[in-house]
Amino acid sequence: MILYFSATGNGKYIAEQIAAETDDKAISIVDCIREGKYLFKDEKILGVITPTYFWRLPRIVTEFLEKLTIENCRYTFLLVSYGTSTGQIGTMAKEILKRKGQKFDAYYSVIMPDTWTPIFNLSNKERVEQWLNKGKAQLKTVIEDIKSNKRGDFIKNKLPKFVAALPSAFMYTAERKTKNLSVNKDLCIGCKLCEKKCPVGAIIMEGNHPVWKDEECEMCLGCLHRCPKFAISYGSGRSNKHGQYKNPYTKI
């Protein structure tokens, strides 16, 4: 069983590729949470695929791991996708599972386009393609390691704990404020896709336009990247100049 959290398709693509090569299934962590499914037992493989947010685990994945129970699974792993650095994400996951007397057998990482467009410019399609090709090459190696049940910590591009831990927690808390998100009502067509796809149900429609009802969300930017009219912005609008992104090798 390959579990994934994915806002723009990177994690879903990785999970689907691993599932196809191991004759397994890829299932969304969001679906698991909505169904209250946290117990996994007697699995040949149990993998968790997560993006890196501000050098750490997304809040939704943290909460999922805190409730996750692994019983009699032959091989388990965590795989993190990242754009620049994995920070201390592996250490975070290890500490969560250790508190419950559990652990993953292996930890992997695969580079993917960084979708935090308030900083990273994804309007350059050639650069995005280079990012994707590098990630596909890394994933091919990781899949072979998974098939051979390789054990150990193979996460790349880590940061020292004193660099990543406290600063990343502060930044992630600050950037998750939904007041940073806005909608251009002249562009919005009221399709409700953002409301439907929000992993934490933070969006409702009012007057045929999205409103962020919660003070905080995951800040996955799935609403921004998936909007068919690119009507959603983050912050001052620089995110819009940096383009939208959806992984081209899967459907989201």
Protein backbone atom coordinates (compact mmCIF):
# COMPACT_ATOMS: atom_id res chain seq x y z
CA MET A 1 0.00 0.00 0.00
CA ILE A 2 1.47 3.34 -1.09
CA LEU A 3 -0.03 6.32 0.74
CA TYR A 4 0.51 9.85 -0.52
CA PHE A 5 -0.31 13.48 0.14
CA SER A 6 -0.22 15.56 -3.02
CA ALA A 7 -1.62 18.98 -3.94
CA THR A 8 -0.17 19.39 -7.42
CA GLY A 9 0.47 15.80 -8.44
CA ASN A 10 4.14 15.23 -7.61
CA GLY A 11 3.46 12.87 -4.71
CA LYS A 12 0.63 11.15 -6.57
CA TYR A 13 2.89 10.53 -9.57
CA ILE A 14 5.62 9.08 -7.34
CA ALA A 15 3.12 6.86 -5.52
CA GLU A 16 1.60 5.61 -8.77
CA GLN A 17 5.00 4.75 -10.20
CA ILE A 18 6.02 2.81 -7.09
CA ALA A 19 2.64 1.05 -6.94
CA ALA A 20 2.89 0.02 -10.60
CA GLU A 21 6.39 -1.41 -10.12
CA THR A 22 5.50 -3.28 -6.92
CA ASP A 23 2.04 -4.50 -7.97
CA ASP A 24 0.38 -2.46 -5.25
CA LYS A 25 -2.12 0.37 -4.82
CA ALA A 26 -1.67 4.14 -4.41
CA ILE A 27 -4.12 5.74 -1.96
CA SER A 28 -4.48 9.37 -0.91
CA ILE A 29 -3.74 10.19 2.73
CA VAL A 30 -6.61 12.68 2.56
CA ASP A 31 -8.98 9.82 1.71
CA CYS A 32 -7.56 7.75 4.59
CA ILE A 33 -8.20 10.61 7.01
CA ARG A 34 -11.75 11.15 5.78
CA GLU A 35 -12.46 7.43 6.16
CA GLY A 36 -10.73 7.21 9.55
CA LYS A 37 -8.27 4.62 8.24
CA TYR A 38 -5.06 4.67 10.27
CA LEU A 39 -4.42 0.95 10.84
CA PHE A 40 -2.41 -0.92 8.21
CA LYS A 41 -1.55 -4.55 8.81
CA ASP A 42 -0.13 -7.50 6.91
CA GLU A 43 0.95 -5.34 3.98
CA LYS A 44 3.74 -6.55 1.72
CA ILE A 45 4.85 -2.92 1.39
CA LEU A 46 3.65 0.16 3.25
CA GLY A 47 5.01 3.44 1.96
CA VAL A 48 4.20 7.04 2.82
CA ILE A 49 4.90 9.76 0.23
CA THR A 50 4.99 13.35 1.45
CA PRO A 51 6.14 16.72 0.13
CA THR A 52 8.54 18.91 2.09
CA TYR A 53 6.98 22.15 3.36
CA PHE A 54 9.42 24.69 4.76
CA TRP A 55 11.97 21.93 5.45
CA ARG A 56 9.44 19.93 7.48
CA LEU A 57 6.41 17.66 7.30
CA PRO A 58 3.10 19.21 6.22
CA ARG A 59 0.74 19.51 9.16
CA ILE A 60 -1.73 17.02 7.65
CA VAL A 61 1.00 14.38 7.26
CA THR A 62 2.27 15.01 10.78
CA GLU A 63 -1.21 14.40 12.19
CA PHE A 64 -1.64 11.31 10.02
CA LEU A 65 1.65 9.80 11.22
CA GLU A 66 0.69 10.51 14.83
CA LYS A 67 -2.38 8.29 14.36
CA LEU A 68 -0.80 5.72 12.03
CA THR A 69 -0.55 2.16 13.34
CA ILE A 70 1.63 -0.35 11.50
CA GLU A 71 1.16 -4.05 12.23
CA ASN A 72 3.05 -6.93 10.67
CA CYS A 73 3.99 -5.12 7.45
CA ARG A 74 6.91 -6.75 5.68
CA TYR A 75 8.60 -3.55 4.48
CA THR A 76 7.87 0.10 5.32
CA PHE A 77 9.32 3.36 4.07
CA LEU A 78 8.90 7.13 3.97
CA LEU A 79 9.67 9.01 0.75
CA VAL A 80 9.88 12.79 0.70
CA SER A 81 9.72 14.94 -2.39
CA TYR A 82 11.57 18.26 -2.25
CA GLY A 83 12.59 21.21 -4.39
CA THR A 84 15.72 22.54 -2.69
CA SER A 85 16.25 20.84 0.68
CA THR A 86 14.64 18.11 2.76
CA GLY A 87 15.52 20.01 5.93
CA GLN A 88 14.82 17.79 8.95
CA ILE A 89 11.73 16.07 7.60
CA GLY A 90 13.12 12.55 8.07
CA THR A 91 14.05 13.26 11.68
CA MET A 92 10.56 14.60 12.34
CA ALA A 93 8.97 11.40 11.02
CA LYS A 94 11.36 9.20 12.99
CA GLU A 95 10.57 11.03 16.23
CA ILE A 96 6.81 10.76 15.69
CA LEU A 97 6.96 7.01 15.12
CA LYS A 98 9.52 6.44 17.89
CA ARG A 99 7.13 7.89 20.46
CA LYS A 100 4.74 5.08 19.51
CA GLY A 101 7.38 2.36 19.41
CA GLN A 102 7.30 2.15 15.62
CA LYS A 103 9.64 2.96 12.75
CA PHE A 104 10.05 2.90 8.99
CA ASP A 105 12.57 0.49 7.50
CA ALA A 106 13.83 3.05 5.00
CA TYR A 107 13.79 6.76 4.22
CA TYR A 108 14.11 8.10 0.66
CA SER A 109 13.94 11.40 -1.19
CA VAL A 110 13.17 12.44 -4.76
CA ILE A 111 13.59 15.93 -6.16
CA MET A 112 10.57 17.51 -7.87
CA PRO A 113 9.62 21.04 -8.99
CA ASP A 114 9.12 23.24 -5.93
CA THR A 115 5.56 24.53 -6.17
CA TRP A 116 5.96 27.34 -3.61
CA THR A 117 5.56 29.99 -6.30
CA PRO A 118 5.75 32.98 -3.93
CA ILE A 119 9.48 32.24 -4.25
CA PHE A 120 10.09 29.73 -7.05
CA ASN A 121 9.43 30.63 -10.67
CA LEU A 122 7.75 27.79 -12.56
CA SER A 123 6.92 29.82 -15.65
CA ASN A 124 10.14 28.58 -17.29
CA LYS A 125 8.94 25.28 -18.77
CA GLU A 126 12.45 24.20 -19.75
CA ARG A 127 13.65 24.51 -16.16
CA VAL A 128 10.59 22.62 -14.91
CA GLU A 129 11.30 19.83 -17.40
CA GLN A 130 14.90 19.59 -16.18
CA TRP A 131 13.61 19.35 -12.60
CA LEU A 132 11.20 16.57 -13.59
CA ASN A 133 13.82 14.61 -15.51
CA LYS A 134 16.19 14.68 -12.55
CA GLY A 135 13.38 13.50 -10.30
CA LYS A 136 12.43 10.66 -12.64
CA ALA A 137 16.02 9.42 -12.66
CA GLN A 138 16.17 9.48 -8.85
CA LEU A 139 12.81 7.74 -8.59
CA LYS A 140 13.98 4.92 -10.84
CA THR A 141 16.83 4.19 -8.43
CA VAL A 142 14.58 4.46 -5.39
CA ILE A 143 12.08 2.01 -6.87
CA GLU A 144 14.82 -0.59 -7.33
CA ASP A 145 15.86 -0.08 -3.71
CA ILE A 146 12.26 -0.50 -2.56
CA LYS A 147 11.85 -3.68 -4.59
CA SER A 148 14.96 -5.09 -2.91
CA ASN A 149 13.70 -3.98 0.54
CA LYS A 150 16.76 -1.86 1.16
CA ARG A 151 17.00 -0.51 4.71
CA GLY A 152 18.48 2.73 6.01
CA ASP A 153 18.24 6.50 5.72
CA PHE A 154 18.88 7.62 2.14
CA ILE A 155 17.34 11.11 2.30
CA LYS A 156 19.45 13.69 0.48
CA ASN A 157 19.98 17.44 0.86
CA LYS A 158 19.35 17.59 4.60
CA LEU A 159 19.94 20.65 6.76
CA PRO A 160 21.41 20.68 10.28
CA LYS A 161 18.74 20.56 12.96
CA PHE A 162 19.66 23.98 14.39
CA VAL A 163 19.15 25.49 10.93
CA ALA A 164 15.92 23.73 10.01
CA ALA A 165 13.91 22.99 13.14
CA LEU A 166 12.87 26.26 14.79
CA PRO A 167 13.09 28.55 11.73
CA SER A 168 11.02 26.17 9.63
CA ALA A 169 8.36 25.85 12.34
CA PHE A 170 8.09 29.64 12.59
CA MET A 171 7.95 30.13 8.81
CA TYR A 172 5.39 27.40 8.23
CA THR A 173 3.11 28.80 10.94
CA ALA A 174 3.35 32.30 9.48
CA GLU A 175 2.87 31.29 5.86
CA ARG A 176 -0.17 29.08 6.63
CA LYS A 177 -2.31 32.13 7.39
CA THR A 178 -5.16 32.15 4.89
CA LYS A 179 -5.25 35.95 4.92
CA ASN A 180 -2.34 35.64 2.48
CA LEU A 181 -4.69 34.13 -0.13
CA SER A 182 -7.06 36.11 -2.33
CA VAL A 183 -9.24 35.66 -5.40
CA ASN A 184 -9.67 37.88 -8.44
CA LYS A 185 -13.46 37.93 -8.72
CA ASP A 186 -13.26 39.19 -12.30
CA LEU A 187 -11.43 36.01 -13.31
CA CYS A 188 -13.18 33.50 -11.03
CA ILE A 189 -15.93 31.50 -12.77
CA GLY A 190 -17.34 29.92 -9.61
CA CYS A 191 -16.48 26.36 -10.66
CA LYS A 192 -15.99 25.29 -7.01
CA LEU A 193 -12.91 23.22 -7.86
CA CYS A 194 -10.89 24.88 -5.09
CA GLU A 195 -13.59 24.12 -2.52
CA LYS A 196 -13.89 20.52 -3.69
CA LYS A 197 -10.15 19.82 -3.74
CA CYS A 198 -9.01 21.58 -0.54
CA PRO A 199 -7.51 18.75 1.56
CA VAL A 200 -8.61 20.29 4.86
CA GLY A 201 -11.93 21.83 3.82
CA ALA A 202 -10.72 25.37 4.46
CA ILE A 203 -12.59 26.85 1.46
CA ILE A 204 -16.30 27.59 1.10
CA MET A 205 -18.13 29.41 -1.68
CA GLU A 206 -19.84 32.71 -0.92
CA GLY A 207 -21.44 34.73 -3.69
CA ASN A 208 -20.05 32.19 -6.18
CA HIS A 209 -16.46 32.93 -5.10
CA PRO A 210 -14.10 31.11 -2.72
CA VAL A 211 -13.66 32.27 0.86
CA TRP A 212 -11.08 30.81 3.22
CA LYS A 213 -13.15 30.12 6.34
CA ASP A 214 -10.27 28.95 8.52
CA GLU A 215 -7.48 31.13 9.85
CA GLU A 216 -4.91 28.53 8.77
CA CYS A 217 -4.68 25.83 6.13
CA GLU A 218 -1.97 23.48 4.82
CA MET A 219 -0.78 26.19 2.40
CA CYS A 220 -0.28 23.49 -0.21
CA LEU A 221 -1.31 26.06 -2.86
CA GLY A 222 -3.41 23.40 -4.55
CA CYS A 223 -6.18 25.96 -5.01
CA LEU A 224 -3.80 28.39 -6.73
CA HIS A 225 -2.23 25.81 -9.04
CA ARG A 226 -5.45 23.99 -9.96
CA CYS A 227 -7.63 27.04 -10.65
CA PRO A 228 -8.61 26.87 -14.35
CA LYS A 229 -8.58 30.68 -14.63
CA PHE A 230 -5.55 31.31 -12.38
CA ALA A 231 -7.78 33.57 -10.28
CA ILE A 232 -6.16 32.80 -6.91
CA SER A 233 -3.10 34.64 -5.64
CA TYR A 234 -0.80 34.39 -2.65
CA GLY A 235 0.54 37.54 -1.03
CA SER A 236 1.34 40.53 -3.19
CA GLY A 237 0.74 38.65 -6.43
CA ARG A 238 4.30 37.57 -7.18
CA SER A 239 3.04 33.98 -7.16
CA ASN A 240 0.99 34.72 -10.28
CA LYS A 241 4.05 35.95 -12.15
CA HIS A 242 5.72 32.63 -11.35
CA GLY A 243 3.06 30.53 -13.04
CA GLN A 244 0.97 27.49 -12.18
CA TYR A 245 2.09 23.88 -11.96
CA LYS A 246 0.51 20.44 -12.13
CA ASN A 247 2.58 17.30 -12.56
CA PRO A 248 2.18 16.39 -16.25
CA TYR A 249 2.39 12.64 -15.68
CA THR A 250 -0.74 12.16 -13.56
CA LYS A 251 -4.27 13.48 -13.12
CA ILE A 252 -5.26 15.52 -10.08
